[in-house]
Amino acid sequence: MAVKEYRHRYIVFEIDAPRAIERWELIKEFQRIASRIGLDQSEEIRPWLTAFQNNRGILRCAHCDKDKAIELLNGIHEVGEEKLKITIRTITTSGTIKKAKESL
C-alpha cells in the first residue's frame, strides 16, 4: 500500500471575541494575513475552514504546513469592517477530521 505524499492536518481553534464572528469575516482575514506573510495560492498550505460555528472552528492544511497555518491563525487579531479585536487560541491538531470534530 502506497503512502500518500499529501496528508491533511486539522487544527481546532477557538476565538475569544465580544460577539459571534461570521465565517466570511474569518476567511477575509485568512486571505489578508496569508498575503502579508508571503503565502499565495500557489503554495500548498491553502488553509481551508472546514467547520466553523459558535466562534470555534477547524482549519485544514497540508501536514508539512501545519506550523505556517498556526502562524496564520496567530496573526489574526481583528476581523470585520469595524476591526473588532479578537484572540485566537489553538486547541489541538489532529490527522483525522473525526478526532478534530470530537474536540469541537
PDB file of N, CA and C in Angstrom:
ATOM      1  N   MET A   1       0.836  -1.174   0.000  1.00  0.00           N
ATOM      2  CA  MET A   1       0.000   0.000   0.000  1.00  0.00           C
ATOM      3  C   MET A   1       0.883   1.240   0.000  1.00  0.00           C
ATOM      4  N   ALA A   2       0.626   2.140  -0.909  1.00  0.00           N
ATOM      5  CA  ALA A   2       1.428   3.358  -1.047  1.00  0.00           C
ATOM      6  C   ALA A   2       0.984   4.402  -0.030  1.00  0.00           C
ATOM      7  N   VAL A   3       1.943   5.164   0.470  1.00  0.00           N
ATOM      8  CA  VAL A   3       1.663   6.239   1.410  1.00  0.00           C
ATOM      9  C   VAL A   3       1.396   7.511   0.614  1.00  0.00           C
ATOM     10  N   LYS A   4       0.322   8.229   0.966  1.00  0.00           N
ATOM     11  CA  LYS A   4       0.025   9.492   0.298  1.00  0.00           C
ATOM     12  C   LYS A   4       1.090  10.517   0.669  1.00  0.00           C
ATOM     13  N   GLU A   5       1.553  11.257  -0.346  1.00  0.00           N
ATOM     14  CA  GLU A   5       2.533  12.303  -0.084  1.00  0.00           C
ATOM     15  C   GLU A   5       1.882  13.513   0.564  1.00  0.00           C
ATOM     16  N   TYR A   6       0.622  13.744   0.256  1.00  0.00           N
ATOM     17  CA  TYR A   6      -0.068  14.926   0.754  1.00  0.00           C
ATOM     18  C   TYR A   6      -1.103  14.493   1.790  1.00  0.00           C
ATOM     19  N   ARG A   7      -0.788  14.743   3.052  1.00  0.00           N
ATOM     20  CA  ARG A   7      -1.714  14.402   4.138  1.00  0.00           C
ATOM     21  C   ARG A   7      -2.228  15.694   4.756  1.00  0.00           C
ATOM     22  N   HIS A   8      -3.414  15.620   5.292  1.00  0.00           N
ATOM     23  CA  HIS A   8      -4.017  16.790   5.917  1.00  0.00           C
ATOM     24  C   HIS A   8      -3.779  16.798   7.420  1.00  0.00           C
ATOM     25  N   ARG A   9      -3.802  18.005   7.969  1.00  0.00           N
ATOM     26  CA  ARG A   9      -3.850  18.202   9.411  1.00  0.00           C
ATOM     27  C   ARG A   9      -5.046  19.105   9.665  1.00  0.00           C
ATOM     28  N   TYR A  10      -5.679  18.883  10.779  1.00  0.00           N
ATOM     29  CA  TYR A  10      -6.867  19.639  11.154  1.00  0.00           C
ATOM     30  C   TYR A  10      -6.575  20.346  12.467  1.00  0.00           C
ATOM     31  N   ILE A  11      -6.588  21.668  12.431  1.00  0.00           N
ATOM     32  CA  ILE A  11      -6.265  22.481  13.596  1.00  0.00           C
ATOM     33  C   ILE A  11      -7.577  23.008  14.182  1.00  0.00           C
ATOM     34  N   VAL A  12      -7.849  22.619  15.411  1.00  0.00           N
ATOM     35  CA  VAL A  12      -9.054  23.069  16.101  1.00  0.00           C
ATOM     36  C   VAL A  12      -8.689  24.342  16.860  1.00  0.00           C
ATOM     37  N   PHE A  13      -9.513  25.375  16.694  1.00  0.00           N
ATOM     38  CA  PHE A  13      -9.227  26.655  17.340  1.00  0.00           C
ATOM     39  C   PHE A  13     -10.499  27.265  17.909  1.00  0.00           C
ATOM     40  N   GLU A  14     -10.282  28.240  18.795  1.00  0.00           N
ATOM     41  CA  GLU A  14     -11.383  28.947  19.439  1.00  0.00           C
ATOM     42  C   GLU A  14     -11.091  30.442  19.378  1.00  0.00           C
ATOM     43  N   ILE A  15     -12.126  31.231  19.150  1.00  0.00           N
ATOM     44  CA  ILE A  15     -11.975  32.681  19.068  1.00  0.00           C
ATOM     45  C   ILE A  15     -12.627  33.322  20.280  1.00  0.00           C
ATOM     46  N   ASP A  16     -11.863  34.188  20.947  1.00  0.00           N
ATOM     47  CA  ASP A  16     -12.405  34.980  22.047  1.00  0.00           C
ATOM     48  C   ASP A  16     -12.726  36.356  21.479  1.00  0.00           C
ATOM     49  N   ALA A  17     -14.028  36.671  21.416  1.00  0.00           N
ATOM     50  CA  ALA A  17     -14.476  37.937  20.833  1.00  0.00           C
ATOM     51  C   ALA A  17     -15.737  38.398  21.546  1.00  0.00           C
ATOM     52  N   PRO A  18     -16.011  39.701  21.505  1.00  0.00           N
ATOM     53  CA  PRO A  18     -17.208  40.227  22.173  1.00  0.00           C
ATOM     54  C   PRO A  18     -18.524  39.856  21.492  1.00  0.00           C
ATOM     55  N   ARG A  19     -18.454  39.343  20.259  1.00  0.00           N
ATOM     56  CA  ARG A  19     -19.668  38.907  19.557  1.00  0.00           C
ATOM     57  C   ARG A  19     -19.335  37.682  18.707  1.00  0.00           C
ATOM     58  N   ALA A  20     -20.356  37.061  18.158  1.00  0.00           N
ATOM     59  CA  ALA A  20     -20.150  35.921  17.266  1.00  0.00           C
ATOM     60  C   ALA A  20     -19.500  36.403  15.968  1.00  0.00           C
ATOM     61  N   ILE A  21     -18.474  35.702  15.542  1.00  0.00           N
ATOM     62  CA  ILE A  21     -17.762  36.036  14.314  1.00  0.00           C
ATOM     63  C   ILE A  21     -18.397  35.269  13.169  1.00  0.00           C
ATOM     64  N   GLU A  22     -18.572  35.936  12.042  1.00  0.00           N
ATOM     65  CA  GLU A  22     -19.125  35.299  10.853  1.00  0.00           C
ATOM     66  C   GLU A  22     -18.014  34.572  10.099  1.00  0.00           C
ATOM     67  N   ARG A  23     -18.373  33.482   9.435  1.00  0.00           N
ATOM     68  CA  ARG A  23     -17.420  32.680   8.670  1.00  0.00           C
ATOM     69  C   ARG A  23     -16.691  33.539   7.628  1.00  0.00           C
ATOM     70  N   TRP A  24     -17.436  34.372   6.893  1.00  0.00           N
ATOM     71  CA  TRP A  24     -16.832  35.182   5.833  1.00  0.00           C
ATOM     72  C   TRP A  24     -15.821  36.181   6.386  1.00  0.00           C
ATOM     73  N   GLU A  25     -16.060  36.694   7.600  1.00  0.00           N
ATOM     74  CA  GLU A  25     -15.110  37.640   8.205  1.00  0.00           C
ATOM     75  C   GLU A  25     -13.769  36.957   8.450  1.00  0.00           C
ATOM     76  N   LEU A  26     -13.836  35.733   8.920  1.00  0.00           N
ATOM     77  CA  LEU A  26     -12.617  34.984   9.211  1.00  0.00           C
ATOM     78  C   LEU A  26     -11.868  34.629   7.929  1.00  0.00           C
ATOM     79  N   ILE A  27     -12.592  34.240   6.903  1.00  0.00           N
ATOM     80  CA  ILE A  27     -11.963  33.893   5.626  1.00  0.00           C
ATOM     81  C   ILE A  27     -11.254  35.107   5.026  1.00  0.00           C
ATOM     82  N   LYS A  28     -11.877  36.282   5.106  1.00  0.00           N
ATOM     83  CA  LYS A  28     -11.230  37.501   4.605  1.00  0.00           C
ATOM     84  C   LYS A  28      -9.925  37.771   5.338  1.00  0.00           C
ATOM     85  N   GLU A  29      -9.912  37.537   6.642  1.00  0.00           N
ATOM     86  CA  GLU A  29      -8.686  37.753   7.411  1.00  0.00           C
ATOM     87  C   GLU A  29      -7.629  36.712   7.066  1.00  0.00           C
ATOM     88  N   PHE A  30      -8.030  35.465   6.809  1.00  0.00           N
ATOM     89  CA  PHE A  30      -7.076  34.437   6.356  1.00  0.00           C
ATOM     90  C   PHE A  30      -6.378  34.924   5.090  1.00  0.00           C
ATOM     91  N   GLN A  31      -7.142  35.433   4.148  1.00  0.00           N
ATOM     92  CA  GLN A  31      -6.577  35.895   2.887  1.00  0.00           C
ATOM     93  C   GLN A  31      -5.647  37.092   3.091  1.00  0.00           C
ATOM     94  N   ARG A  32      -6.041  38.017   3.942  1.00  0.00           N
ATOM     95  CA  ARG A  32      -5.223  39.208   4.190  1.00  0.00           C
ATOM     96  C   ARG A  32      -3.903  38.838   4.860  1.00  0.00           C
ATOM     97  N   ILE A  33      -3.959  38.014   5.891  1.00  0.00           N
ATOM     98  CA  ILE A  33      -2.750  37.616   6.618  1.00  0.00           C
ATOM     99  C   ILE A  33      -1.858  36.746   5.743  1.00  0.00           C
ATOM    100  N   ALA A  34      -2.449  35.841   4.962  1.00  0.00           N
ATOM    101  CA  ALA A  34      -1.655  34.969   4.083  1.00  0.00           C
ATOM    102  C   ALA A  34      -0.831  35.787   3.102  1.00  0.00           C
ATOM    103  N   SER A  35      -1.415  36.824   2.541  1.00  0.00           N
ATOM    104  CA  SER A  35      -0.656  37.658   1.608  1.00  0.00           C
ATOM    105  C   SER A  35       0.416  38.448   2.345  1.00  0.00           C
ATOM    106  N   ARG A  36       0.143  38.849   3.592  1.00  0.00           N
ATOM    107  CA  ARG A  36       1.116  39.615   4.372  1.00  0.00           C
ATOM    108  C   ARG A  36       2.330  38.786   4.761  1.00  0.00           C
ATOM    109  N   ILE A  37       2.127  37.493   5.082  1.00  0.00           N
ATOM    110  CA  ILE A  37       3.273  36.675   5.493  1.00  0.00           C
ATOM    111  C   ILE A  37       3.888  35.924   4.319  1.00  0.00           C
ATOM    112  N   GLY A  38       3.472  36.271   3.092  1.00  0.00           N
ATOM    113  CA  GLY A  38       4.132  35.736   1.910  1.00  0.00           C
ATOM    114  C   GLY A  38       3.578  34.423   1.393  1.00  0.00           C
ATOM    115  N   LEU A  39       2.391  34.046   1.779  1.00  0.00           N
ATOM    116  CA  LEU A  39       1.775  32.834   1.255  1.00  0.00           C
ATOM    117  C   LEU A  39       0.798  33.234   0.158  1.00  0.00           C
ATOM    118  N   ASP A  40       0.888  32.549  -0.963  1.00  0.00           N
ATOM    119  CA  ASP A  40      -0.093  32.822  -2.015  1.00  0.00           C
ATOM    120  C   ASP A  40      -0.783  31.525  -2.402  1.00  0.00           C
ATOM    121  N   GLN A  41      -1.691  31.598  -3.340  1.00  0.00           N
ATOM    122  CA  GLN A  41      -2.481  30.433  -3.717  1.00  0.00           C
ATOM    123  C   GLN A  41      -1.659  29.320  -4.357  1.00  0.00           C
ATOM    124  N   SER A  42      -0.461  29.605  -4.840  1.00  0.00           N
ATOM    125  CA  SER A  42       0.351  28.568  -5.469  1.00  0.00           C
ATOM    126  C   SER A  42       1.013  27.650  -4.448  1.00  0.00           C
ATOM    127  N   GLU A  43       1.070  28.072  -3.197  1.00  0.00           N
ATOM    128  CA  GLU A  43       1.693  27.239  -2.180  1.00  0.00           C
ATOM    129  C   GLU A  43       0.716  26.202  -1.662  1.00  0.00           C
ATOM    130  N   GLU A  44       1.255  25.117  -1.133  1.00  0.00           N
ATOM    131  CA  GLU A  44       0.425  24.000  -0.708  1.00  0.00           C
ATOM    132  C   GLU A  44      -0.372  24.238   0.555  1.00  0.00           C
ATOM    133  N   ILE A  45      -0.014  25.223   1.348  1.00  0.00           N
ATOM    134  CA  ILE A  45      -0.706  25.404   2.629  1.00  0.00           C
ATOM    135  C   ILE A  45      -2.210  25.525   2.415  1.00  0.00           C
ATOM    136  N   ARG A  46      -2.650  26.336   1.501  1.00  0.00           N
ATOM    137  CA  ARG A  46      -4.058  26.520   1.179  1.00  0.00           C
ATOM    138  C   ARG A  46      -4.982  26.174   2.338  1.00  0.00           C
ATOM    139  N   PRO A  47      -4.980  26.974   3.367  1.00  0.00           N
ATOM    140  CA  PRO A  47      -5.834  26.665   4.521  1.00  0.00           C
ATOM    141  C   PRO A  47      -7.296  26.668   4.117  1.00  0.00           C
ATOM    142  N   TRP A  48      -8.038  25.777   4.690  1.00  0.00           N
ATOM    143  CA  TRP A  48      -9.455  25.663   4.373  1.00  0.00           C
ATOM    144  C   TRP A  48     -10.239  25.599   5.671  1.00  0.00           C
ATOM    145  N   LEU A  49     -11.194  26.467   5.815  1.00  0.00           N
ATOM    146  CA  LEU A  49     -12.025  26.490   7.009  1.00  0.00           C
ATOM    147  C   LEU A  49     -13.066  25.384   6.870  1.00  0.00           C
ATOM    148  N   THR A  50     -12.778  24.241   7.456  1.00  0.00           N
ATOM    149  CA  THR A  50     -13.613  23.053   7.314  1.00  0.00           C
ATOM    150  C   THR A  50     -14.922  23.184   8.064  1.00  0.00           C
ATOM    151  N   ALA A  51     -14.864  23.662   9.278  1.00  0.00           N
ATOM    152  CA  ALA A  51     -16.065  23.830  10.100  1.00  0.00           C
ATOM    153  C   ALA A  51     -15.895  25.098  10.922  1.00  0.00           C
ATOM    154  N   PHE A  52     -17.016  25.789  11.148  1.00  0.00           N
ATOM    155  CA  PHE A  52     -16.958  26.987  11.989  1.00  0.00           C
ATOM    156  C   PHE A  52     -18.352  27.305  12.509  1.00  0.00           C
ATOM    157  N   GLN A  53     -18.473  27.330  13.827  1.00  0.00           N
ATOM    158  CA  GLN A  53     -19.720  27.729  14.477  1.00  0.00           C
ATOM    159  C   GLN A  53     -19.433  28.088  15.918  1.00  0.00           C
ATOM    160  N   ASN A  54     -20.194  29.033  16.436  1.00  0.00           N
ATOM    161  CA  ASN A  54     -20.057  29.478  17.824  1.00  0.00           C
ATOM    162  C   ASN A  54     -18.622  29.860  18.184  1.00  0.00           C
ATOM    163  N   ASN A  55     -17.947  30.546  17.263  1.00  0.00           N
ATOM    164  CA  ASN A  55     -16.568  31.008  17.462  1.00  0.00           C
ATOM    165  C   ASN A  55     -15.560  29.883  17.692  1.00  0.00           C
ATOM    166  N   ARG A  56     -15.868  28.692  17.232  1.00  0.00           N
ATOM    167  CA  ARG A  56     -14.934  27.565  17.254  1.00  0.00           C
ATOM    168  C   ARG A  56     -14.876  26.987  15.853  1.00  0.00           C
ATOM    169  N   GLY A  57     -13.697  26.539  15.439  1.00  0.00           N
ATOM    170  CA  GLY A  57     -13.590  26.040  14.083  1.00  0.00           C
ATOM    171  C   GLY A  57     -12.471  25.047  13.889  1.00  0.00           C
ATOM    172  N   ILE A  58     -12.432  24.504  12.670  1.00  0.00           N
ATOM    173  CA  ILE A  58     -11.396  23.565  12.254  1.00  0.00           C
ATOM    174  C   ILE A  58     -10.790  24.094  10.967  1.00  0.00           C
ATOM    175  N   LEU A  59      -9.482  24.255  10.970  1.00  0.00           N
ATOM    176  CA  LEU A  59      -8.750  24.712   9.796  1.00  0.00           C
ATOM    177  C   LEU A  59      -7.971  23.530   9.242  1.00  0.00           C
ATOM    178  N   ARG A  60      -8.193  23.201   7.960  1.00  0.00           N
ATOM    179  CA  ARG A  60      -7.465  22.108   7.315  1.00  0.00           C
ATOM    180  C   ARG A  60      -6.265  22.674   6.573  1.00  0.00           C
ATOM    181  N   CYS A  61      -5.143  21.933   6.615  1.00  0.00           N
ATOM    182  CA  CYS A  61      -3.955  22.342   5.880  1.00  0.00           C
ATOM    183  C   CYS A  61      -3.134  21.095   5.550  1.00  0.00           C
ATOM    184  N   ALA A  62      -2.071  21.273   4.805  1.00  0.00           N
ATOM    185  CA  ALA A  62      -1.159  20.173   4.494  1.00  0.00           C
ATOM    186  C   ALA A  62      -0.344  19.837   5.746  1.00  0.00           C
ATOM    187  N   HIS A  63       0.024  18.572   5.903  1.00  0.00           N
ATOM    188  CA  HIS A  63       0.742  18.150   7.104  1.00  0.00           C
ATOM    189  C   HIS A  63       2.070  18.873   7.273  1.00  0.00           C
ATOM    190  N   CYS A  64       2.734  19.164   6.172  1.00  0.00           N
ATOM    191  CA  CYS A  64       4.039  19.822   6.271  1.00  0.00           C
ATOM    192  C   CYS A  64       3.920  21.330   6.488  1.00  0.00           C
ATOM    193  N   ASP A  65       2.711  21.870   6.378  1.00  0.00           N
ATOM    194  CA  ASP A  65       2.497  23.306   6.551  1.00  0.00           C
ATOM    195  C   ASP A  65       1.711  23.640   7.807  1.00  0.00           C
ATOM    196  N   LYS A  66       1.652  22.709   8.736  1.00  0.00           N
ATOM    197  CA  LYS A  66       0.898  22.913   9.970  1.00  0.00           C
ATOM    198  C   LYS A  66       1.402  24.145  10.724  1.00  0.00           C
ATOM    199  N   ASP A  67       2.712  24.308  10.820  1.00  0.00           N
ATOM    200  CA  ASP A  67       3.266  25.454  11.552  1.00  0.00           C
ATOM    201  C   ASP A  67       2.913  26.784  10.878  1.00  0.00           C
ATOM    202  N   LYS A  68       2.918  26.812   9.540  1.00  0.00           N
ATOM    203  CA  LYS A  68       2.531  28.026   8.818  1.00  0.00           C
ATOM    204  C   LYS A  68       1.056  28.338   9.058  1.00  0.00           C
ATOM    205  N   ALA A  69       0.225  27.301   9.108  1.00  0.00           N
ATOM    206  CA  ALA A  69      -1.209  27.513   9.338  1.00  0.00           C
ATOM    207  C   ALA A  69      -1.453  28.048  10.742  1.00  0.00           C
ATOM    208  N   ILE A  70      -0.711  27.547  11.717  1.00  0.00           N
ATOM    209  CA  ILE A  70      -0.851  28.056  13.081  1.00  0.00           C
ATOM    210  C   ILE A  70      -0.357  29.500  13.145  1.00  0.00           C
ATOM    211  N   GLU A  71       0.715  29.810  12.417  1.00  0.00           N
ATOM    212  CA  GLU A  71       1.204  31.191  12.340  1.00  0.00           C
ATOM    213  C   GLU A  71       0.133  32.087  11.719  1.00  0.00           C
ATOM    214  N   LEU A  72      -0.561  31.575  10.723  1.00  0.00           N
ATOM    215  CA  LEU A  72      -1.649  32.314  10.095  1.00  0.00           C
ATOM    216  C   LEU A  72      -2.758  32.609  11.103  1.00  0.00           C
ATOM    217  N   LEU A  73      -3.152  31.599  11.870  1.00  0.00           N
ATOM    218  CA  LEU A  73      -4.183  31.802  12.899  1.00  0.00           C
ATOM    219  C   LEU A  73      -3.732  32.810  13.944  1.00  0.00           C
ATOM    220  N   ASN A  74      -2.493  32.686  14.389  1.00  0.00           N
ATOM    221  CA  ASN A  74      -1.969  33.585  15.420  1.00  0.00           C
ATOM    222  C   ASN A  74      -1.792  35.016  14.912  1.00  0.00           C
ATOM    223  N   GLY A  75      -1.748  35.198  13.603  1.00  0.00           N
ATOM    224  CA  GLY A  75      -1.586  36.532  13.026  1.00  0.00           C
ATOM    225  C   GLY A  75      -2.869  37.334  12.952  1.00  0.00           C
ATOM    226  N   ILE A  76      -3.992  36.699  13.242  1.00  0.00           N
ATOM    227  CA  ILE A  76      -5.273  37.393  13.165  1.00  0.00           C
ATOM    228  C   ILE A  76      -5.611  37.981  14.533  1.00  0.00           C
ATOM    229  N   HIS A  77      -5.731  39.297  14.583  1.00  0.00           N
ATOM    230  CA  HIS A  77      -6.032  39.997  15.833  1.00  0.00           C
ATOM    231  C   HIS A  77      -7.294  40.852  15.745  1.00  0.00           C
ATOM    232  N   GLU A  78      -7.823  40.996  14.524  1.00  0.00           N
ATOM    233  CA  GLU A  78      -9.045  41.770  14.346  1.00  0.00           C
ATOM    234  C   GLU A  78      -9.780  41.258  13.109  1.00  0.00           C
ATOM    235  N   VAL A  79     -11.101  41.406  13.113  1.00  0.00           N
ATOM    236  CA  VAL A  79     -11.917  40.977  11.975  1.00  0.00           C
ATOM    237  C   VAL A  79     -13.015  41.992  11.696  1.00  0.00           C
ATOM    238  N   GLY A  80     -13.561  41.895  10.494  1.00  0.00           N
ATOM    239  CA  GLY A  80     -14.725  42.692  10.133  1.00  0.00           C
ATOM    240  C   GLY A  80     -14.390  44.117   9.747  1.00  0.00           C
ATOM    241  N   GLU A  81     -15.422  44.771   9.252  1.00  0.00           N
ATOM    242  CA  GLU A  81     -15.286  46.168   8.828  1.00  0.00           C
ATOM    243  C   GLU A  81     -14.967  47.088  10.004  1.00  0.00           C
ATOM    244  N   GLU A  82     -15.474  46.738  11.183  1.00  0.00           N
ATOM    245  CA  GLU A  82     -15.256  47.593  12.360  1.00  0.00           C
ATOM    246  C   GLU A  82     -13.956  47.266  13.102  1.00  0.00           C
ATOM    247  N   LYS A  83     -13.148  46.363  12.539  1.00  0.00           N
ATOM    248  CA  LYS A  83     -11.850  45.978  13.127  1.00  0.00           C
ATOM    249  C   LYS A  83     -12.016  45.511  14.577  1.00  0.00           C
ATOM    250  N   LEU A  84     -12.936  44.584  14.774  1.00  0.00           N
ATOM    251  CA  LEU A  84     -13.232  44.018  16.074  1.00  0.00           C
ATOM    252  C   LEU A  84     -12.021  43.232  16.594  1.00  0.00           C
ATOM    253  N   LYS A  85     -11.562  43.552  17.790  1.00  0.00           N
ATOM    254  CA  LYS A  85     -10.398  42.883  18.382  1.00  0.00           C
ATOM    255  C   LYS A  85     -10.780  41.470  18.830  1.00  0.00           C
ATOM    256  N   ILE A  86      -9.944  40.485  18.426  1.00  0.00           N
ATOM    257  CA  ILE A  86     -10.189  39.090  18.799  1.00  0.00           C
ATOM    258  C   ILE A  86      -8.887  38.430  19.218  1.00  0.00           C
ATOM    259  N   THR A  87      -9.014  37.286  19.876  1.00  0.00           N
ATOM    260  CA  THR A  87      -7.882  36.445  20.216  1.00  0.00           C
ATOM    261  C   THR A  87      -8.209  35.033  19.758  1.00  0.00           C
ATOM    262  N   ILE A  88      -7.293  34.416  19.013  1.00  0.00           N
ATOM    263  CA  ILE A  88      -7.491  33.041  18.556  1.00  0.00           C
ATOM    264  C   ILE A  88      -6.555  32.130  19.336  1.00  0.00           C
ATOM    265  N   ARG A  89      -7.129  31.053  19.868  1.00  0.00           N
ATOM    266  CA  ARG A  89      -6.363  30.077  20.634  1.00  0.00           C
ATOM    267  C   ARG A  89      -6.506  28.721  19.959  1.00  0.00           C
ATOM    268  N   THR A  90      -5.381  28.095  19.617  1.00  0.00           N
ATOM    269  CA  THR A  90      -5.452  26.746  19.055  1.00  0.00           C
ATOM    270  C   THR A  90      -5.654  25.758  20.187  1.00  0.00           C
ATOM    271  N   ILE A  91      -6.536  24.802  19.960  1.00  0.00           N
ATOM    272  CA  ILE A  91      -6.864  23.816  20.984  1.00  0.00           C
ATOM    273  C   ILE A  91      -6.067  22.536  20.779  1.00  0.00           C
ATOM    274  N   THR A  92      -6.120  22.013  19.556  1.00  0.00           N
ATOM    275  CA  THR A  92      -5.398  20.775  19.260  1.00  0.00           C
ATOM    276  C   THR A  92      -5.200  20.654  17.757  1.00  0.00           C
ATOM    277  N   THR A  93      -4.348  19.727  17.368  1.00  0.00           N
ATOM    278  CA  THR A  93      -4.134  19.395  15.962  1.00  0.00           C
ATOM    279  C   THR A  93      -4.332  17.901  15.808  1.00  0.00           C
ATOM    280  N   SER A  94      -5.003  17.517  14.728  1.00  0.00           N
ATOM    281  CA  SER A  94      -5.305  16.108  14.509  1.00  0.00           C
ATOM    282  C   SER A  94      -5.008  15.730  13.066  1.00  0.00           C
ATOM    283  N   GLY A  95      -4.791  14.458  12.850  1.00  0.00           N
ATOM    284  CA  GLY A  95      -4.584  13.943  11.499  1.00  0.00           C
ATOM    285  C   GLY A  95      -5.879  13.475  10.861  1.00  0.00           C
ATOM    286  N   THR A  96      -6.961  13.429  11.638  1.00  0.00           N
ATOM    287  CA  THR A  96      -8.244  12.994  11.092  1.00  0.00           C
ATOM    288  C   THR A  96      -9.331  14.000  11.447  1.00  0.00           C
ATOM    289  N   ILE A  97     -10.259  14.170  10.536  1.00  0.00           N
ATOM    290  CA  ILE A  97     -11.363  15.098  10.765  1.00  0.00           C
ATOM    291  C   ILE A  97     -12.263  14.592  11.890  1.00  0.00           C
ATOM    292  N   LYS A  98     -12.371  13.289  12.017  1.00  0.00           N
ATOM    293  CA  LYS A  98     -13.212  12.706  13.057  1.00  0.00           C
ATOM    294  C   LYS A  98     -12.738  13.116  14.450  1.00  0.00           C
ATOM    295  N   LYS A  99     -11.463  12.989  14.714  1.00  0.00           N
ATOM    296  CA  LYS A  99     -10.910  13.367  16.013  1.00  0.00           C
ATOM    297  C   LYS A  99     -10.994  14.882  16.227  1.00  0.00           C
ATOM    298  N   ALA A 100     -10.789  15.648  15.156  1.00  0.00           N
ATOM    299  CA  ALA A 100     -10.886  17.097  15.283  1.00  0.00           C
ATOM    300  C   ALA A 100     -12.303  17.506  15.656  1.00  0.00           C
ATOM    301  N   LYS A 101     -13.298  16.894  15.037  1.00  0.00           N
ATOM    302  CA  LYS A 101     -14.691  17.238  15.362  1.00  0.00           C
ATOM    303  C   LYS A 101     -15.051  16.865  16.788  1.00  0.00           C
ATOM    304  N   GLU A 102     -14.423  15.822  17.328  1.00  0.00           N
ATOM    305  CA  GLU A 102     -14.661  15.451  18.723  1.00  0.00           C
ATOM    306  C   GLU A 102     -14.191  16.545  19.678  1.00  0.00           C
ATOM    307  N   SER A 103     -13.184  17.319  19.252  1.00  0.00           N
ATOM    308  CA  SER A 103     -12.629  18.397  20.086  1.00  0.00           C
ATOM    309  C   SER A 103     -13.441  19.679  19.993  1.00  0.00           C
ATOM    310  N   LEU A 104     -14.316  19.767  18.999  1.00  0.00           N
ATOM    311  CA  LEU A 104     -15.158  20.959  18.868  1.00  0.00           C
ATOM    312  C   LEU A 104     -16.131  20.964  20.003  1.00  0.00           C
TER     313      LEU A 104
END
